[in-house]
Amino acid sequence: MAVIAGYEASLHYINTDIAAAAMTAEPMEALDAARTLWRVADRTKRWLDPLATTTVKVDGLEADATVCYAGGFARFAEGVAAGSLVTIDGKCFDHTTVNKLGGAKQWSLDLQSDEYDVTSWDSGKWREFINILKGATVTFDRWWLDALFVLYLQDITPASLIGLELRAAADYRYYAYGHLTSDAIKMAVDGVAEESISVRVTGPVEYTEE
């Protein structure tokens, strides 16, 4: 388990009641020298709909890539050849759907991996484990402003999404989708009102330099 702390974060409420906009052959750009990590080039189309049928193509042919819908990423097992055109078909949430809820004064990202015991008679005197499932949780601390998150929890549905944009350094960010799981408000006579928010990540977490 790894815990990553950062100094700036943005929470985006994704209004899934509004239909996502279709994308066809949307261009992507390479983000690393190995050309394994790609992202939707148009910044306004980077919050992808995880429920939509999504296809990544290289030079017009369907390719095998892991899609991180938050942030609009596609990761290939091997680098794409230089000069190739990488595109994506699917749906994205536009500016009328993605609403920034605010920032945080501190945040932490807790990455988890479930281990399963696969010890056998051939293992000798040492246990053996394999990793099967990965997950993550995010916590935010911020100054309490209003009852927005309380109202969100009351109106939550299975399709409700929070878009997470976590900055760990000046140009280094994590992206993920998640579901709000708790909202704790703290008030003290000798301090200001504070709010602690917990989000359970759904799907992959991706990171990049920007």
C-alpha atoms as a PDB file:
ATOM      1  CA  MET A   1       0.000   0.000   0.000  1.00  0.00           C
ATOM      2  CA  ALA A   2       1.330   3.435  -0.935  1.00  0.00           C
ATOM      3  CA  VAL A   3       0.103   6.797   0.273  1.00  0.00           C
ATOM      4  CA  ILE A   4       0.817   9.885  -1.824  1.00  0.00           C
ATOM      5  CA  ALA A   5       0.301  13.379  -0.416  1.00  0.00           C
ATOM      6  CA  GLY A   6      -0.087  16.528  -2.469  1.00  0.00           C
ATOM      7  CA  TYR A   7      -0.689  20.230  -2.138  1.00  0.00           C
ATOM      8  CA  GLU A   8      -3.353  21.079  -4.714  1.00  0.00           C
ATOM      9  CA  ALA A   9      -6.441  19.280  -5.979  1.00  0.00           C
ATOM     10  CA  SER A  10      -9.635  19.909  -7.902  1.00  0.00           C
ATOM     11  CA  LEU A  11     -12.920  18.070  -7.476  1.00  0.00           C
ATOM     12  CA  HIS A  12     -15.301  17.997 -10.426  1.00  0.00           C
ATOM     13  CA  TYR A  13     -18.943  16.972 -10.192  1.00  0.00           C
ATOM     14  CA  ILE A  14     -19.911  15.022 -13.316  1.00  0.00           C
ATOM     15  CA  ASN A  15     -23.603  15.545 -14.083  1.00  0.00           C
ATOM     16  CA  THR A  16     -24.396  12.178 -15.643  1.00  0.00           C
ATOM     17  CA  ASP A  17     -28.034  13.202 -16.152  1.00  0.00           C
ATOM     18  CA  ILE A  18     -26.833  15.146 -19.214  1.00  0.00           C
ATOM     19  CA  ALA A  19     -25.976  12.939 -22.193  1.00  0.00           C
ATOM     20  CA  ALA A  20     -22.273  12.763 -23.026  1.00  0.00           C
ATOM     21  CA  ALA A  21     -21.131  14.050 -26.430  1.00  0.00           C
ATOM     22  CA  ALA A  22     -20.004  11.552 -29.062  1.00  0.00           C
ATOM     23  CA  MET A  23     -16.395  11.517 -30.299  1.00  0.00           C
ATOM     24  CA  THR A  24     -15.237   9.908 -33.532  1.00  0.00           C
ATOM     25  CA  ALA A  25     -11.565   9.617 -34.529  1.00  0.00           C
ATOM     26  CA  GLU A  26     -10.616  12.139 -31.829  1.00  0.00           C
ATOM     27  CA  PRO A  27      -6.828  12.765 -32.065  1.00  0.00           C
ATOM     28  CA  MET A  28      -4.567  11.755 -29.178  1.00  0.00           C
ATOM     29  CA  GLU A  29      -1.047  12.925 -28.295  1.00  0.00           C
ATOM     30  CA  ALA A  30       1.908  11.010 -26.871  1.00  0.00           C
ATOM     31  CA  LEU A  31       3.002  12.011 -23.373  1.00  0.00           C
ATOM     32  CA  ASP A  32       6.206  10.021 -22.887  1.00  0.00           C
ATOM     33  CA  ALA A  33       9.346   9.336 -24.889  1.00  0.00           C
ATOM     34  CA  ALA A  34       8.474   5.633 -25.109  1.00  0.00           C
ATOM     35  CA  ARG A  35       5.122   6.569 -26.742  1.00  0.00           C
ATOM     36  CA  THR A  36       3.156   4.209 -24.488  1.00  0.00           C
ATOM     37  CA  LEU A  37       0.984   6.830 -22.751  1.00  0.00           C
ATOM     38  CA  TRP A  38      -1.392   8.911 -24.862  1.00  0.00           C
ATOM     39  CA  ARG A  39      -4.056  11.491 -24.074  1.00  0.00           C
ATOM     40  CA  VAL A  40      -6.892  13.223 -25.922  1.00  0.00           C
ATOM     41  CA  ALA A  41      -5.329  16.316 -27.467  1.00  0.00           C
ATOM     42  CA  ASP A  42      -8.381  18.565 -26.984  1.00  0.00           C
ATOM     43  CA  ARG A  43      -8.399  19.623 -23.299  1.00  0.00           C
ATOM     44  CA  THR A  44     -12.188  20.147 -23.348  1.00  0.00           C
ATOM     45  CA  LYS A  45     -12.775  16.455 -24.212  1.00  0.00           C
ATOM     46  CA  ARG A  46     -10.647  14.704 -21.576  1.00  0.00           C
ATOM     47  CA  TRP A  47     -13.393  13.620 -19.155  1.00  0.00           C
ATOM     48  CA  LEU A  48     -14.575  10.477 -20.956  1.00  0.00           C
ATOM     49  CA  ASP A  49     -17.801   8.587 -20.297  1.00  0.00           C
ATOM     50  CA  PRO A  50     -16.797   5.257 -18.683  1.00  0.00           C
ATOM     51  CA  LEU A  51     -20.125   3.666 -19.655  1.00  0.00           C
ATOM     52  CA  ALA A  52     -19.741   4.382 -23.379  1.00  0.00           C
ATOM     53  CA  THR A  53     -18.265   1.938 -25.868  1.00  0.00           C
ATOM     54  CA  THR A  54     -14.718   3.199 -26.342  1.00  0.00           C
ATOM     55  CA  THR A  55     -12.247   2.173 -29.039  1.00  0.00           C
ATOM     56  CA  VAL A  56      -8.624   3.235 -29.459  1.00  0.00           C
ATOM     57  CA  LYS A  57      -7.203   3.051 -32.978  1.00  0.00           C
ATOM     58  CA  VAL A  58      -3.712   3.300 -34.466  1.00  0.00           C
ATOM     59  CA  ASP A  59      -3.709   4.423 -38.102  1.00  0.00           C
ATOM     60  CA  GLY A  60      -7.407   3.536 -38.323  1.00  0.00           C
ATOM     61  CA  LEU A  61      -7.062  -0.001 -36.940  1.00  0.00           C
ATOM     62  CA  GLU A  62      -8.431  -1.007 -33.536  1.00  0.00           C
ATOM     63  CA  ALA A  63      -5.608  -1.381 -31.004  1.00  0.00           C
ATOM     64  CA  ASP A  64      -5.282  -2.936 -27.556  1.00  0.00           C
ATOM     65  CA  ALA A  65      -4.865  -0.200 -24.949  1.00  0.00           C
ATOM     66  CA  THR A  66      -5.980   0.415 -21.377  1.00  0.00           C
ATOM     67  CA  VAL A  67      -8.246   3.460 -21.204  1.00  0.00           C
ATOM     68  CA  CYS A  68      -8.293   5.731 -18.160  1.00  0.00           C
ATOM     69  CA  TYR A  69     -11.523   7.654 -18.687  1.00  0.00           C
ATOM     70  CA  ALA A  70     -10.677  10.402 -16.203  1.00  0.00           C
ATOM     71  CA  GLY A  71      -8.237  12.664 -18.010  1.00  0.00           C
ATOM     72  CA  GLY A  72      -8.708  10.974 -21.396  1.00  0.00           C
ATOM     73  CA  PHE A  73      -5.725   8.579 -21.349  1.00  0.00           C
ATOM     74  CA  ALA A  74      -4.818   5.428 -23.263  1.00  0.00           C
ATOM     75  CA  ARG A  75      -1.842   3.288 -22.221  1.00  0.00           C
ATOM     76  CA  PHE A  76      -0.252   0.749 -24.585  1.00  0.00           C
ATOM     77  CA  ALA A  77       1.842  -2.232 -23.451  1.00  0.00           C
ATOM     78  CA  GLU A  78       4.407  -1.320 -26.107  1.00  0.00           C
ATOM     79  CA  GLY A  79       5.297   2.013 -27.652  1.00  0.00           C
ATOM     80  CA  VAL A  80       3.435   3.161 -30.754  1.00  0.00           C
ATOM     81  CA  ALA A  81       5.667   3.697 -33.777  1.00  0.00           C
ATOM     82  CA  ALA A  82       6.679   7.269 -34.498  1.00  0.00           C
ATOM     83  CA  GLY A  83       4.523   8.926 -37.136  1.00  0.00           C
ATOM     84  CA  SER A  84       1.451   6.807 -36.302  1.00  0.00           C
ATOM     85  CA  LEU A  85      -1.947   8.459 -35.825  1.00  0.00           C
ATOM     86  CA  VAL A  86      -3.669   7.463 -32.579  1.00  0.00           C
ATOM     87  CA  THR A  87      -7.370   8.265 -32.246  1.00  0.00           C
ATOM     88  CA  ILE A  88     -10.222   7.361 -29.916  1.00  0.00           C
ATOM     89  CA  ASP A  89     -13.950   6.783 -30.439  1.00  0.00           C
ATOM     90  CA  GLY A  90     -16.352   7.140 -27.537  1.00  0.00           C
ATOM     91  CA  LYS A  91     -18.144   9.833 -25.574  1.00  0.00           C
ATOM     92  CA  CYS A  92     -16.988  12.708 -23.383  1.00  0.00           C
ATOM     93  CA  PHE A  93     -18.537  15.016 -20.809  1.00  0.00           C
ATOM     94  CA  ASP A  94     -18.402  18.629 -22.011  1.00  0.00           C
ATOM     95  CA  HIS A  95     -18.259  21.924 -20.102  1.00  0.00           C
ATOM     96  CA  THR A  96     -21.997  21.854 -19.404  1.00  0.00           C
ATOM     97  CA  THR A  97     -21.582  18.522 -17.602  1.00  0.00           C
ATOM     98  CA  VAL A  98     -18.296  18.941 -15.705  1.00  0.00           C
ATOM     99  CA  ASN A  99     -18.549  21.392 -12.809  1.00  0.00           C
ATOM    100  CA  LYS A 100     -15.599  22.179 -10.554  1.00  0.00           C
ATOM    101  CA  LEU A 101     -16.697  21.872  -6.925  1.00  0.00           C
ATOM    102  CA  GLY A 102     -13.615  23.460  -5.437  1.00  0.00           C
ATOM    103  CA  GLY A 103     -10.120  22.765  -4.277  1.00  0.00           C
ATOM    104  CA  ALA A 104      -8.544  21.408  -1.111  1.00  0.00           C
ATOM    105  CA  LYS A 105      -5.970  22.563   1.406  1.00  0.00           C
ATOM    106  CA  GLN A 106      -4.478  19.056   1.462  1.00  0.00           C
ATOM    107  CA  TRP A 107      -5.182  15.658  -0.023  1.00  0.00           C
ATOM    108  CA  SER A 108      -3.885  12.106   0.044  1.00  0.00           C
ATOM    109  CA  LEU A 109      -4.121   9.231  -2.425  1.00  0.00           C
ATOM    110  CA  ASP A 110      -4.044   5.742  -0.904  1.00  0.00           C
ATOM    111  CA  LEU A 111      -3.257   3.035  -3.488  1.00  0.00           C
ATOM    112  CA  GLN A 112      -4.162  -0.538  -2.545  1.00  0.00           C
ATOM    113  CA  SER A 113      -3.565  -3.988  -3.995  1.00  0.00           C
ATOM    114  CA  ASP A 114      -5.383  -7.098  -2.781  1.00  0.00           C
ATOM    115  CA  GLU A 115      -3.079 -10.048  -2.203  1.00  0.00           C
ATOM    116  CA  TYR A 116      -4.138 -13.696  -2.298  1.00  0.00           C
ATOM    117  CA  ASP A 117      -2.309 -16.545  -0.611  1.00  0.00           C
ATOM    118  CA  VAL A 118      -1.212 -19.118  -3.206  1.00  0.00           C
ATOM    119  CA  THR A 119       1.105 -21.087  -0.938  1.00  0.00           C
ATOM    120  CA  SER A 120       1.413 -24.728  -1.986  1.00  0.00           C
ATOM    121  CA  TRP A 121       3.333 -27.821  -0.912  1.00  0.00           C
ATOM    122  CA  ASP A 122       6.106 -26.737  -3.276  1.00  0.00           C
ATOM    123  CA  SER A 123       6.491 -23.358  -1.550  1.00  0.00           C
ATOM    124  CA  GLY A 124       8.754 -24.729   1.129  1.00  0.00           C
ATOM    125  CA  LYS A 125       8.682 -22.778   4.382  1.00  0.00           C
ATOM    126  CA  TRP A 126       7.757 -19.447   2.766  1.00  0.00           C
ATOM    127  CA  ARG A 127       4.282 -18.221   1.921  1.00  0.00           C
ATOM    128  CA  GLU A 128       3.619 -17.046  -1.650  1.00  0.00           C
ATOM    129  CA  PHE A 129       1.182 -14.333  -2.717  1.00  0.00           C
ATOM    130  CA  ILE A 130      -0.088 -12.843  -5.965  1.00  0.00           C
ATOM    131  CA  ASN A 131      -1.740  -9.472  -6.582  1.00  0.00           C
ATOM    132  CA  ILE A 132      -5.214  -9.719  -8.090  1.00  0.00           C
ATOM    133  CA  LEU A 133      -7.172  -6.471  -7.724  1.00  0.00           C
ATOM    134  CA  LYS A 134      -6.083  -2.869  -7.320  1.00  0.00           C
ATOM    135  CA  GLY A 135      -7.964   0.038  -5.795  1.00  0.00           C
ATOM    136  CA  ALA A 136      -7.554   3.485  -4.316  1.00  0.00           C
ATOM    137  CA  THR A 137      -9.151   5.992  -1.987  1.00  0.00           C
ATOM    138  CA  VAL A 138      -8.705   9.753  -1.872  1.00  0.00           C
ATOM    139  CA  THR A 139      -9.261  12.088   1.075  1.00  0.00           C
ATOM    140  CA  PHE A 140      -9.543  15.872   0.908  1.00  0.00           C
ATOM    141  CA  ASP A 141      -9.399  18.461   3.642  1.00  0.00           C
ATOM    142  CA  ARG A 142     -10.737  21.905   2.911  1.00  0.00           C
ATOM    143  CA  TRP A 143     -12.306  24.908   4.560  1.00  0.00           C
ATOM    144  CA  TRP A 144     -16.053  24.320   4.854  1.00  0.00           C
ATOM    145  CA  LEU A 145     -17.987  26.630   2.537  1.00  0.00           C
ATOM    146  CA  ASP A 146     -21.518  25.289   2.107  1.00  0.00           C
ATOM    147  CA  ALA A 147     -23.657  22.147   2.270  1.00  0.00           C
ATOM    148  CA  LEU A 148     -22.959  21.125  -1.326  1.00  0.00           C
ATOM    149  CA  PHE A 149     -21.399  17.728  -0.568  1.00  0.00           C
ATOM    150  CA  VAL A 150     -24.083  16.910   2.004  1.00  0.00           C
ATOM    151  CA  LEU A 151     -26.741  17.552  -0.645  1.00  0.00           C
ATOM    152  CA  TYR A 152     -24.727  15.493  -3.141  1.00  0.00           C
ATOM    153  CA  LEU A 153     -24.678  12.504  -0.772  1.00  0.00           C
ATOM    154  CA  GLN A 154     -28.444  12.758  -0.346  1.00  0.00           C
ATOM    155  CA  ASP A 155     -29.002  12.706  -4.103  1.00  0.00           C
ATOM    156  CA  ILE A 156     -26.352  10.155  -5.051  1.00  0.00           C
ATOM    157  CA  THR A 157     -27.089   7.504  -7.704  1.00  0.00           C
ATOM    158  CA  PRO A 158     -25.046   4.556  -9.044  1.00  0.00           C
ATOM    159  CA  ALA A 159     -24.060   6.697 -12.032  1.00  0.00           C
ATOM    160  CA  SER A 160     -22.909   9.701  -9.959  1.00  0.00           C
ATOM    161  CA  LEU A 161     -19.256  10.555 -10.510  1.00  0.00           C
ATOM    162  CA  ILE A 162     -16.613  12.794  -9.005  1.00  0.00           C
ATOM    163  CA  GLY A 163     -13.711  13.706 -11.291  1.00  0.00           C
ATOM    164  CA  LEU A 164     -10.395  13.914  -9.427  1.00  0.00           C
ATOM    165  CA  GLU A 165      -7.464  16.050 -10.564  1.00  0.00           C
ATOM    166  CA  LEU A 166      -4.638  15.773  -8.014  1.00  0.00           C
ATOM    167  CA  ARG A 167      -1.459  17.799  -8.363  1.00  0.00           C
ATOM    168  CA  ALA A 168       1.539  16.250  -6.599  1.00  0.00           C
ATOM    169  CA  ALA A 169       4.085  18.708  -8.011  1.00  0.00           C
ATOM    170  CA  ALA A 170       4.057  21.793 -10.191  1.00  0.00           C
ATOM    171  CA  ASP A 171       3.501  19.813 -13.408  1.00  0.00           C
ATOM    172  CA  TYR A 172       2.688  16.316 -12.141  1.00  0.00           C
ATOM    173  CA  ARG A 173      -0.944  15.241 -11.773  1.00  0.00           C
ATOM    174  CA  TYR A 174      -3.056  12.188 -11.022  1.00  0.00           C
ATOM    175  CA  TYR A 175      -6.472  11.674 -12.616  1.00  0.00           C
ATOM    176  CA  ALA A 176      -9.274   9.326 -11.584  1.00  0.00           C
ATOM    177  CA  TYR A 177     -13.024   8.968 -11.216  1.00  0.00           C
ATOM    178  CA  GLY A 178     -14.614   8.154  -7.892  1.00  0.00           C
ATOM    179  CA  HIS A 179     -17.727   8.083  -5.732  1.00  0.00           C
ATOM    180  CA  LEU A 180     -18.162  10.294  -2.695  1.00  0.00           C
ATOM    181  CA  THR A 181     -18.363   8.049   0.390  1.00  0.00           C
ATOM    182  CA  SER A 182     -18.249  10.439   3.355  1.00  0.00           C
ATOM    183  CA  ASP A 183     -18.358  14.115   4.245  1.00  0.00           C
ATOM    184  CA  ALA A 184     -17.281  15.104   7.756  1.00  0.00           C
ATOM    185  CA  ILE A 185     -17.682  18.699   8.935  1.00  0.00           C
ATOM    186  CA  LYS A 186     -15.713  19.869  11.963  1.00  0.00           C
ATOM    187  CA  MET A 187     -16.358  23.059  13.890  1.00  0.00           C
ATOM    188  CA  ALA A 188     -14.532  24.400  16.923  1.00  0.00           C
ATOM    189  CA  VAL A 189     -15.059  27.501  19.044  1.00  0.00           C
ATOM    190  CA  ASP A 190     -11.412  28.478  18.604  1.00  0.00           C
ATOM    191  CA  GLY A 191     -11.047  27.651  14.906  1.00  0.00           C
ATOM    192  CA  VAL A 192     -12.649  27.825  11.472  1.00  0.00           C
ATOM    193  CA  ALA A 193     -15.092  25.270  10.056  1.00  0.00           C
ATOM    194  CA  GLU A 194     -13.330  22.462   8.205  1.00  0.00           C
ATOM    195  CA  GLU A 195     -14.526  19.630   5.979  1.00  0.00           C
ATOM    196  CA  SER A 196     -13.000  16.199   5.312  1.00  0.00           C
ATOM    197  CA  ILE A 197     -14.193  14.379   2.183  1.00  0.00           C
ATOM    198  CA  SER A 198     -13.534  10.749   1.236  1.00  0.00           C
ATOM    199  CA  VAL A 199     -13.809   9.385  -2.304  1.00  0.00           C
ATOM    200  CA  ARG A 200     -13.561   5.737  -3.378  1.00  0.00           C
ATOM    201  CA  VAL A 201     -11.830   5.543  -6.751  1.00  0.00           C
ATOM    202  CA  THR A 202     -13.547   3.517  -9.469  1.00  0.00           C
ATOM    203  CA  GLY A 203     -11.451   2.347 -12.404  1.00  0.00           C
ATOM    204  CA  PRO A 204      -7.757   3.076 -13.054  1.00  0.00           C
ATOM    205  CA  VAL A 205      -5.628   5.948 -11.766  1.00  0.00           C
ATOM    206  CA  GLU A 206      -3.392   7.649 -14.332  1.00  0.00           C
ATOM    207  CA  TYR A 207      -0.667  10.249 -13.968  1.00  0.00           C
ATOM    208  CA  THR A 208       1.242  12.558 -16.242  1.00  0.00           C
ATOM    209  CA  GLU A 209       3.473  15.607 -16.465  1.00  0.00           C
ATOM    210  CA  GLU A 210       1.779  18.671 -17.896  1.00  0.00           C
END
